[in-house]
């Protein structure tokens, strides 16, 4: 296992057919990826709350919940997680729907090892890029809040406000940024 893969989040496999889970797990573990398995989709939020996941392979047709709904739940929980939808049928309308819902890819069973590994490589690249964008967005928001605070401090200081009022303003800003 490479050092990078040891530090990578897991790949979650969701399919109600154990054989498909076995095939995917064998492909991924042969390349030393950490794999988590589930035969249902309804527990997705609980899994994501307790596991560090970057990529999900999810069957479109699950017995407990439709795969598109699982995709929506994943994107609502952690938008950066990449999802590859898998199906036993070549259904253009379903493929179009999952791509509109921001799935990374749509694979039709039986898929090749190369298709799976290409999706994994693209998934991790896209996941890292999305994380970097989120971090940059948060940093930009923090810097903007700092600039607003400095502007307020400058306005208060120029009006001759007392130091206690300025201190309270700074303290309130720190408390707000901690939330």
Foldseek 3Di string as FASTA:
>chain_A
DDPVQVPAFAEEEEALDVVVVVVLCVLQVVVPHHYHYDPALPCLLVCVVVGGAQEYEYEQDHPPDGRLVSLLVCCVNPVLRAYEYEYQDDDPVVQVSSVVSPHPYYYHPPDDSVVSVVSVVVSVVSSVVVVVVVVVVVVVVVVVLVVVLVVVLVVCVVVPHDPVVNVVSVVVSVVVVVD
